[in-house]
Amino acid sequence: VAARTFAHAEAIRLLKEALTLVRARPPSGDRDRAELAVLEALAGPLNARHGYSSPELQHTLERSLELAESSGSKDSALTALLELWSSRFVQGRTAQAHESAERALTLVAPGTSPALSGSAHFIVAGSSVSLGRPAEALRHFELGAERT
């Protein structure tokens, strides 16, 4: 609720408090899924408050990716990679951003939502342009447009 009313600092505070409570639980799959849910909720307010270049946002996304991969949650892993791409790209770490984009693309499967599938192609295209690979970029821009 706090994030939806532009109270991002309060949302961050409450979500960090929730994170502390979740992390105090004994290690288990349920705890990891709860931590992932809190981290996914935290990413938006962190971005709104501090921007994509924030080291705290980057750490949150990296931990989200780790938890999503260990739990087998492909959509959460794909979402984390899409957001991590944005963080790395804005930080000027284009090659690392492109690696995130390529990893995201490997998670796209026939059942993947058009929004996630299209976004994966768009981020590959975006970093490809910045890396001086216009033909690759054009191909992924076209694939992204077809899927969204």
N, C-alpha and C. Protein backbone atom coordinates (compact mmCIF):
# COMPACT_ATOMS: atom_id res chain seq x y z
N VAL A 1 0.83 -1.19 0.00
CA VAL A 1 0.00 0.00 0.00
C VAL A 1 0.88 1.25 0.00
N ALA A 2 1.93 1.23 0.82
CA ALA A 2 2.79 2.42 0.90
C ALA A 2 3.39 2.77 -0.45
N ALA A 3 3.83 1.76 -1.19
CA ALA A 3 4.44 2.02 -2.50
C ALA A 3 3.44 2.59 -3.48
N ARG A 4 2.18 2.15 -3.39
CA ARG A 4 1.16 2.65 -4.32
C ARG A 4 0.76 4.09 -4.03
N THR A 5 1.09 4.59 -2.86
CA THR A 5 0.77 5.99 -2.53
C THR A 5 2.02 6.86 -2.54
N PHE A 6 3.05 6.38 -3.24
CA PHE A 6 4.31 7.11 -3.39
C PHE A 6 5.04 7.32 -2.07
N ALA A 7 4.75 6.48 -1.08
CA ALA A 7 5.46 6.52 0.19
C ALA A 7 6.58 5.49 0.14
N HIS A 8 7.49 5.69 -0.81
CA HIS A 8 8.52 4.69 -1.08
C HIS A 8 9.44 4.45 0.11
N ALA A 9 9.81 5.50 0.82
CA ALA A 9 10.68 5.33 1.98
C ALA A 9 10.00 4.45 3.03
N GLU A 10 8.73 4.68 3.25
CA GLU A 10 7.98 3.87 4.22
C GLU A 10 7.83 2.44 3.72
N ALA A 11 7.58 2.27 2.45
CA ALA A 11 7.48 0.92 1.88
C ALA A 11 8.80 0.18 2.06
N ILE A 12 9.91 0.86 1.80
CA ILE A 12 11.23 0.25 1.97
C ILE A 12 11.45 -0.15 3.42
N ARG A 13 11.10 0.75 4.34
CA ARG A 13 11.28 0.46 5.76
C ARG A 13 10.48 -0.78 6.17
N LEU A 14 9.21 -0.82 5.78
CA LEU A 14 8.35 -1.94 6.15
C LEU A 14 8.81 -3.25 5.51
N LEU A 15 9.21 -3.19 4.27
CA LEU A 15 9.67 -4.40 3.59
C LEU A 15 11.00 -4.90 4.17
N LYS A 16 11.86 -3.99 4.57
CA LYS A 16 13.11 -4.41 5.22
C LYS A 16 12.83 -5.06 6.57
N GLU A 17 11.84 -4.53 7.26
CA GLU A 17 11.42 -5.14 8.53
C GLU A 17 10.89 -6.55 8.28
N ALA A 18 10.08 -6.69 7.25
CA ALA A 18 9.56 -8.02 6.88
C ALA A 18 10.71 -8.95 6.51
N LEU A 19 11.68 -8.44 5.80
CA LEU A 19 12.84 -9.24 5.40
C LEU A 19 13.61 -9.74 6.62
N THR A 20 13.77 -8.88 7.61
CA THR A 20 14.45 -9.28 8.84
C THR A 20 13.70 -10.42 9.52
N LEU A 21 12.38 -10.32 9.57
CA LEU A 21 11.57 -11.37 10.18
C LEU A 21 11.66 -12.68 9.40
N VAL A 22 11.60 -12.59 8.10
CA VAL A 22 11.67 -13.79 7.26
C VAL A 22 13.03 -14.45 7.41
N ARG A 23 14.08 -13.67 7.38
CA ARG A 23 15.44 -14.24 7.46
C ARG A 23 15.74 -14.83 8.84
N ALA A 24 14.96 -14.46 9.85
CA ALA A 24 15.15 -15.02 11.19
C ALA A 24 14.56 -16.43 11.30
N ARG A 25 13.74 -16.81 10.34
CA ARG A 25 13.15 -18.15 10.35
C ARG A 25 14.21 -19.20 10.01
N PRO A 26 14.00 -20.44 10.44
CA PRO A 26 14.95 -21.50 10.08
C PRO A 26 14.99 -21.69 8.56
N PRO A 27 16.17 -22.03 8.04
CA PRO A 27 16.29 -22.24 6.59
C PRO A 27 15.32 -23.31 6.10
N SER A 28 14.64 -22.99 5.00
CA SER A 28 13.71 -23.95 4.38
C SER A 28 13.29 -23.38 3.03
N GLY A 29 12.66 -24.21 2.24
CA GLY A 29 12.13 -23.76 0.97
C GLY A 29 11.07 -22.69 1.16
N ASP A 30 10.23 -22.86 2.19
CA ASP A 30 9.19 -21.86 2.47
C ASP A 30 9.80 -20.52 2.83
N ARG A 31 10.85 -20.54 3.65
CA ARG A 31 11.51 -19.29 4.01
C ARG A 31 12.10 -18.62 2.77
N ASP A 32 12.74 -19.41 1.90
CA ASP A 32 13.32 -18.83 0.69
C ASP A 32 12.26 -18.23 -0.22
N ARG A 33 11.12 -18.91 -0.34
CA ARG A 33 10.03 -18.36 -1.17
C ARG A 33 9.47 -17.08 -0.56
N ALA A 34 9.38 -17.04 0.77
CA ALA A 34 8.90 -15.82 1.44
C ALA A 34 9.90 -14.68 1.25
N GLU A 35 11.19 -15.00 1.37
CA GLU A 35 12.22 -13.97 1.15
C GLU A 35 12.16 -13.45 -0.28
N LEU A 36 11.99 -14.35 -1.23
CA LEU A 36 11.88 -13.94 -2.64
C LEU A 36 10.70 -13.01 -2.84
N ALA A 37 9.56 -13.33 -2.24
CA ALA A 37 8.37 -12.48 -2.38
C ALA A 37 8.62 -11.08 -1.82
N VAL A 38 9.29 -11.01 -0.67
CA VAL A 38 9.58 -9.70 -0.07
C VAL A 38 10.58 -8.93 -0.94
N LEU A 39 11.61 -9.60 -1.42
CA LEU A 39 12.60 -8.94 -2.27
C LEU A 39 11.97 -8.43 -3.57
N GLU A 40 11.08 -9.23 -4.14
CA GLU A 40 10.40 -8.78 -5.37
C GLU A 40 9.55 -7.55 -5.09
N ALA A 41 8.91 -7.50 -3.92
CA ALA A 41 8.12 -6.32 -3.56
C ALA A 41 9.01 -5.12 -3.26
N LEU A 42 10.22 -5.36 -2.76
CA LEU A 42 11.15 -4.29 -2.40
C LEU A 42 11.79 -3.62 -3.61
N ALA A 43 11.98 -4.35 -4.69
CA ALA A 43 12.70 -3.82 -5.85
C ALA A 43 12.06 -2.55 -6.41
N GLY A 44 10.75 -2.52 -6.55
CA GLY A 44 10.07 -1.34 -7.10
C GLY A 44 10.29 -0.08 -6.28
N PRO A 45 10.00 -0.12 -4.97
CA PRO A 45 10.25 1.07 -4.15
C PRO A 45 11.72 1.49 -4.11
N LEU A 46 12.64 0.51 -4.09
CA LEU A 46 14.07 0.87 -4.13
C LEU A 46 14.40 1.61 -5.42
N ASN A 47 13.87 1.13 -6.52
CA ASN A 47 14.11 1.78 -7.80
C ASN A 47 13.51 3.18 -7.81
N ALA A 48 12.29 3.31 -7.33
CA ALA A 48 11.63 4.62 -7.32
C ALA A 48 12.38 5.61 -6.43
N ARG A 49 12.90 5.14 -5.34
CA ARG A 49 13.56 6.02 -4.37
C ARG A 49 15.02 6.32 -4.74
N HIS A 50 15.75 5.31 -5.22
CA HIS A 50 17.19 5.47 -5.42
C HIS A 50 17.65 5.33 -6.87
N GLY A 51 16.80 4.82 -7.74
CA GLY A 51 17.15 4.67 -9.15
C GLY A 51 17.80 3.34 -9.46
N TYR A 52 17.86 3.04 -10.76
CA TYR A 52 18.40 1.76 -11.22
C TYR A 52 19.88 1.58 -10.87
N SER A 53 20.62 2.66 -10.71
CA SER A 53 22.05 2.53 -10.45
C SER A 53 22.37 2.23 -8.99
N SER A 54 21.36 2.16 -8.15
CA SER A 54 21.55 1.93 -6.72
C SER A 54 22.20 0.57 -6.44
N PRO A 55 23.32 0.56 -5.70
CA PRO A 55 23.93 -0.72 -5.32
C PRO A 55 22.97 -1.58 -4.49
N GLU A 56 22.14 -0.95 -3.68
CA GLU A 56 21.18 -1.70 -2.87
C GLU A 56 20.16 -2.41 -3.76
N LEU A 57 19.69 -1.73 -4.79
CA LEU A 57 18.77 -2.36 -5.73
C LEU A 57 19.47 -3.52 -6.43
N GLN A 58 20.70 -3.30 -6.88
CA GLN A 58 21.44 -4.35 -7.56
C GLN A 58 21.57 -5.58 -6.66
N HIS A 59 21.93 -5.38 -5.40
CA HIS A 59 22.08 -6.49 -4.46
C HIS A 59 20.74 -7.22 -4.27
N THR A 60 19.67 -6.46 -4.16
CA THR A 60 18.33 -7.04 -4.01
C THR A 60 17.99 -7.90 -5.21
N LEU A 61 18.28 -7.42 -6.39
CA LEU A 61 17.98 -8.18 -7.61
C LEU A 61 18.85 -9.42 -7.74
N GLU A 62 20.11 -9.30 -7.36
CA GLU A 62 21.00 -10.46 -7.42
C GLU A 62 20.54 -11.55 -6.45
N ARG A 63 20.12 -11.14 -5.25
CA ARG A 63 19.61 -12.12 -4.27
C ARG A 63 18.29 -12.71 -4.76
N SER A 64 17.44 -11.90 -5.36
CA SER A 64 16.18 -12.41 -5.92
C SER A 64 16.45 -13.46 -6.98
N LEU A 65 17.42 -13.19 -7.84
CA LEU A 65 17.78 -14.14 -8.89
C LEU A 65 18.28 -15.44 -8.29
N GLU A 66 19.14 -15.33 -7.29
CA GLU A 66 19.68 -16.52 -6.62
C GLU A 66 18.55 -17.38 -6.04
N LEU A 67 17.61 -16.74 -5.34
CA LEU A 67 16.50 -17.47 -4.74
C LEU A 67 15.56 -18.05 -5.80
N ALA A 68 15.31 -17.29 -6.84
CA ALA A 68 14.42 -17.77 -7.91
C ALA A 68 15.03 -18.98 -8.60
N GLU A 69 16.32 -18.93 -8.86
CA GLU A 69 16.98 -20.06 -9.52
C GLU A 69 17.00 -21.29 -8.62
N SER A 70 17.27 -21.09 -7.34
CA SER A 70 17.34 -22.25 -6.43
C SER A 70 15.97 -22.87 -6.20
N SER A 71 14.92 -22.07 -6.34
CA SER A 71 13.56 -22.61 -6.15
C SER A 71 12.93 -23.09 -7.45
N GLY A 72 13.61 -22.85 -8.57
CA GLY A 72 13.07 -23.28 -9.86
C GLY A 72 11.97 -22.39 -10.41
N SER A 73 11.88 -21.16 -9.90
CA SER A 73 10.85 -20.22 -10.36
C SER A 73 11.36 -19.45 -11.58
N LYS A 74 11.05 -19.97 -12.77
CA LYS A 74 11.57 -19.36 -14.01
C LYS A 74 11.08 -17.94 -14.23
N ASP A 75 9.79 -17.69 -13.98
CA ASP A 75 9.27 -16.34 -14.19
C ASP A 75 9.94 -15.33 -13.26
N SER A 76 10.15 -15.73 -12.00
CA SER A 76 10.83 -14.83 -11.06
C SER A 76 12.28 -14.62 -11.47
N ALA A 77 12.94 -15.68 -11.93
CA ALA A 77 14.33 -15.54 -12.39
C ALA A 77 14.39 -14.64 -13.62
N LEU A 78 13.46 -14.82 -14.53
CA LEU A 78 13.42 -13.99 -15.74
C LEU A 78 13.17 -12.53 -15.37
N THR A 79 12.23 -12.28 -14.48
CA THR A 79 11.95 -10.91 -14.05
C THR A 79 13.17 -10.29 -13.38
N ALA A 80 13.84 -11.05 -12.52
CA ALA A 80 15.05 -10.54 -11.85
C ALA A 80 16.13 -10.21 -12.87
N LEU A 81 16.30 -11.05 -13.87
CA LEU A 81 17.31 -10.78 -14.90
C LEU A 81 16.96 -9.55 -15.73
N LEU A 82 15.68 -9.36 -16.03
CA LEU A 82 15.26 -8.17 -16.77
C LEU A 82 15.58 -6.91 -15.97
N GLU A 83 15.28 -6.94 -14.68
CA GLU A 83 15.53 -5.78 -13.83
C GLU A 83 17.03 -5.59 -13.58
N LEU A 84 17.75 -6.70 -13.42
CA LEU A 84 19.19 -6.62 -13.22
C LEU A 84 19.87 -6.04 -14.46
N TRP A 85 19.35 -6.39 -15.64
CA TRP A 85 19.87 -5.80 -16.87
C TRP A 85 19.77 -4.28 -16.79
N SER A 86 18.60 -3.78 -16.37
CA SER A 86 18.40 -2.33 -16.27
C SER A 86 19.40 -1.70 -15.32
N SER A 87 19.60 -2.33 -14.18
CA SER A 87 20.55 -1.81 -13.20
C SER A 87 21.96 -1.74 -13.78
N ARG A 88 22.39 -2.82 -14.37
CA ARG A 88 23.76 -2.87 -14.92
C ARG A 88 23.91 -1.92 -16.11
N PHE A 89 22.89 -1.83 -16.94
CA PHE A 89 22.95 -0.97 -18.12
C PHE A 89 23.07 0.50 -17.70
N VAL A 90 22.25 0.90 -16.73
CA VAL A 90 22.27 2.29 -16.26
C VAL A 90 23.59 2.60 -15.55
N GLN A 91 24.19 1.60 -14.92
CA GLN A 91 25.49 1.78 -14.28
C GLN A 91 26.63 1.88 -15.30
N GLY A 92 26.31 1.67 -16.57
CA GLY A 92 27.33 1.72 -17.61
C GLY A 92 28.09 0.42 -17.79
N ARG A 93 27.58 -0.64 -17.19
CA ARG A 93 28.21 -1.96 -17.29
C ARG A 93 27.52 -2.74 -18.41
N THR A 94 27.71 -2.26 -19.63
CA THR A 94 26.98 -2.78 -20.78
C THR A 94 27.27 -4.24 -21.07
N ALA A 95 28.50 -4.66 -20.98
CA ALA A 95 28.83 -6.07 -21.25
C ALA A 95 28.16 -6.99 -20.23
N GLN A 96 28.17 -6.60 -18.96
CA GLN A 96 27.49 -7.40 -17.93
C GLN A 96 25.99 -7.35 -18.13
N ALA A 97 25.47 -6.22 -18.54
CA ALA A 97 24.04 -6.11 -18.82
C ALA A 97 23.67 -7.08 -19.94
N HIS A 98 24.51 -7.12 -20.97
CA HIS A 98 24.24 -8.02 -22.10
C HIS A 98 24.27 -9.48 -21.65
N GLU A 99 25.17 -9.82 -20.75
CA GLU A 99 25.20 -11.19 -20.20
C GLU A 99 23.89 -11.51 -19.50
N SER A 100 23.36 -10.55 -18.73
CA SER A 100 22.06 -10.75 -18.07
C SER A 100 20.96 -10.95 -19.10
N ALA A 101 21.02 -10.17 -20.17
CA ALA A 101 20.02 -10.28 -21.23
C ALA A 101 20.07 -11.64 -21.90
N GLU A 102 21.27 -12.11 -22.19
CA GLU A 102 21.42 -13.43 -22.82
C GLU A 102 20.91 -14.53 -21.89
N ARG A 103 21.20 -14.41 -20.60
CA ARG A 103 20.67 -15.39 -19.63
C ARG A 103 19.15 -15.34 -19.59
N ALA A 104 18.59 -14.13 -19.64
CA ALA A 104 17.13 -14.00 -19.63
C ALA A 104 16.53 -14.70 -20.83
N LEU A 105 17.16 -14.54 -21.96
CA LEU A 105 16.65 -15.15 -23.19
C LEU A 105 16.63 -16.68 -23.10
N THR A 106 17.57 -17.26 -22.36
CA THR A 106 17.58 -18.72 -22.22
C THR A 106 16.40 -19.23 -21.40
N LEU A 107 15.77 -18.36 -20.63
CA LEU A 107 14.63 -18.76 -19.80
C LEU A 107 13.30 -18.64 -20.53
N VAL A 108 13.32 -17.99 -21.69
CA VAL A 108 12.08 -17.83 -22.46
C VAL A 108 11.73 -19.18 -23.08
N ALA A 109 10.53 -19.63 -22.78
CA ALA A 109 10.03 -20.92 -23.28
C ALA A 109 8.66 -20.70 -23.90
N PRO A 110 8.11 -21.69 -24.59
CA PRO A 110 6.80 -21.52 -25.23
C PRO A 110 5.69 -21.00 -24.30
N GLY A 111 5.71 -21.34 -23.02
CA GLY A 111 4.66 -20.88 -22.11
C GLY A 111 4.92 -19.54 -21.46
N THR A 112 6.05 -18.91 -21.78
CA THR A 112 6.40 -17.63 -21.17
C THR A 112 5.44 -16.55 -21.64
N SER A 113 5.04 -15.67 -20.73
CA SER A 113 4.12 -14.60 -21.10
C SER A 113 4.73 -13.74 -22.20
N PRO A 114 3.88 -13.21 -23.09
CA PRO A 114 4.39 -12.34 -24.16
C PRO A 114 5.16 -11.13 -23.62
N ALA A 115 4.72 -10.59 -22.49
CA ALA A 115 5.41 -9.42 -21.94
C ALA A 115 6.84 -9.76 -21.53
N LEU A 116 7.01 -10.89 -20.84
CA LEU A 116 8.36 -11.29 -20.42
C LEU A 116 9.21 -11.70 -21.62
N SER A 117 8.61 -12.45 -22.54
CA SER A 117 9.33 -12.89 -23.73
C SER A 117 9.79 -11.70 -24.57
N GLY A 118 8.87 -10.78 -24.82
CA GLY A 118 9.20 -9.59 -25.59
C GLY A 118 10.26 -8.75 -24.91
N SER A 119 10.12 -8.59 -23.59
CA SER A 119 11.10 -7.80 -22.84
C SER A 119 12.49 -8.41 -22.91
N ALA A 120 12.58 -9.73 -22.86
CA ALA A 120 13.88 -10.40 -22.96
C ALA A 120 14.55 -10.06 -24.29
N HIS A 121 13.77 -10.08 -25.36
CA HIS A 121 14.35 -9.73 -26.66
C HIS A 121 14.71 -8.25 -26.73
N PHE A 122 13.89 -7.39 -26.15
CA PHE A 122 14.19 -5.95 -26.18
C PHE A 122 15.47 -5.62 -25.42
N ILE A 123 15.72 -6.29 -24.29
CA ILE A 123 16.95 -5.96 -23.56
C ILE A 123 18.19 -6.49 -24.28
N VAL A 124 18.06 -7.64 -24.95
CA VAL A 124 19.18 -8.11 -25.77
C VAL A 124 19.44 -7.08 -26.87
N ALA A 125 18.37 -6.59 -27.48
CA ALA A 125 18.51 -5.60 -28.55
C ALA A 125 19.16 -4.32 -28.03
N GLY A 126 18.70 -3.84 -26.88
CA GLY A 126 19.23 -2.60 -26.33
C GLY A 126 20.72 -2.66 -26.04
N SER A 127 21.15 -3.74 -25.41
CA SER A 127 22.58 -3.83 -25.12
C SER A 127 23.38 -4.14 -26.38
N SER A 128 22.77 -4.84 -27.34
CA SER A 128 23.47 -5.12 -28.61
C SER A 128 23.78 -3.82 -29.35
N VAL A 129 22.84 -2.89 -29.36
CA VAL A 129 23.08 -1.59 -30.00
C VAL A 129 24.28 -0.91 -29.33
N SER A 130 24.29 -0.90 -28.00
CA SER A 130 25.37 -0.24 -27.28
C SER A 130 26.72 -0.93 -27.45
N LEU A 131 26.69 -2.21 -27.77
CA LEU A 131 27.93 -2.96 -28.00
C LEU A 131 28.36 -2.93 -29.46
N GLY A 132 27.63 -2.16 -30.29
CA GLY A 132 28.01 -2.03 -31.70
C GLY A 132 27.64 -3.24 -32.55
N ARG A 133 26.53 -3.87 -32.21
CA ARG A 133 26.07 -5.04 -32.95
C ARG A 133 24.67 -4.76 -33.53
N PRO A 134 24.60 -3.89 -34.53
CA PRO A 134 23.29 -3.47 -35.04
C PRO A 134 22.46 -4.60 -35.65
N ALA A 135 23.07 -5.54 -36.33
CA ALA A 135 22.28 -6.63 -36.95
C ALA A 135 21.63 -7.49 -35.87
N GLU A 136 22.38 -7.80 -34.83
CA GLU A 136 21.83 -8.57 -33.71
C GLU A 136 20.71 -7.78 -33.03
N ALA A 137 20.95 -6.48 -32.84
CA ALA A 137 19.95 -5.63 -32.21
C ALA A 137 18.66 -5.61 -33.02
N LEU A 138 18.77 -5.42 -34.32
CA LEU A 138 17.58 -5.36 -35.17
C LEU A 138 16.78 -6.65 -35.10
N ARG A 139 17.48 -7.78 -35.14
CA ARG A 139 16.80 -9.07 -35.08
C ARG A 139 16.01 -9.20 -33.77
N HIS A 140 16.61 -8.80 -32.65
CA HIS A 140 15.92 -8.92 -31.36
C HIS A 140 14.84 -7.86 -31.18
N PHE A 141 15.02 -6.67 -31.75
CA PHE A 141 13.94 -5.68 -31.72
C PHE A 141 12.72 -6.24 -32.46
N GLU A 142 12.95 -6.86 -33.60
CA GLU A 142 11.85 -7.45 -34.37
C GLU A 142 11.18 -8.59 -33.60
N LEU A 143 11.98 -9.47 -33.00
CA LEU A 143 11.42 -10.58 -32.22
C LEU A 143 10.64 -10.06 -31.01
N GLY A 144 11.17 -9.04 -30.36
CA GLY A 144 10.47 -8.44 -29.22
C GLY A 144 9.14 -7.84 -29.63
N ALA A 145 9.13 -7.15 -30.75
CA ALA A 145 7.89 -6.54 -31.24
C ALA A 145 6.86 -7.60 -31.61
N GLU A 146 7.30 -8.70 -32.18
CA GLU A 146 6.38 -9.79 -32.54
C GLU A 146 5.73 -10.40 -31.30
N ARG A 147 6.44 -10.44 -30.19
CA ARG A 147 5.97 -11.14 -29.01
C ARG A 147 5.13 -10.27 -28.08
N THR A 148 5.19 -8.97 -28.27
CA THR A 148 4.42 -8.11 -27.36
C THR A 148 3.21 -7.51 -28.04
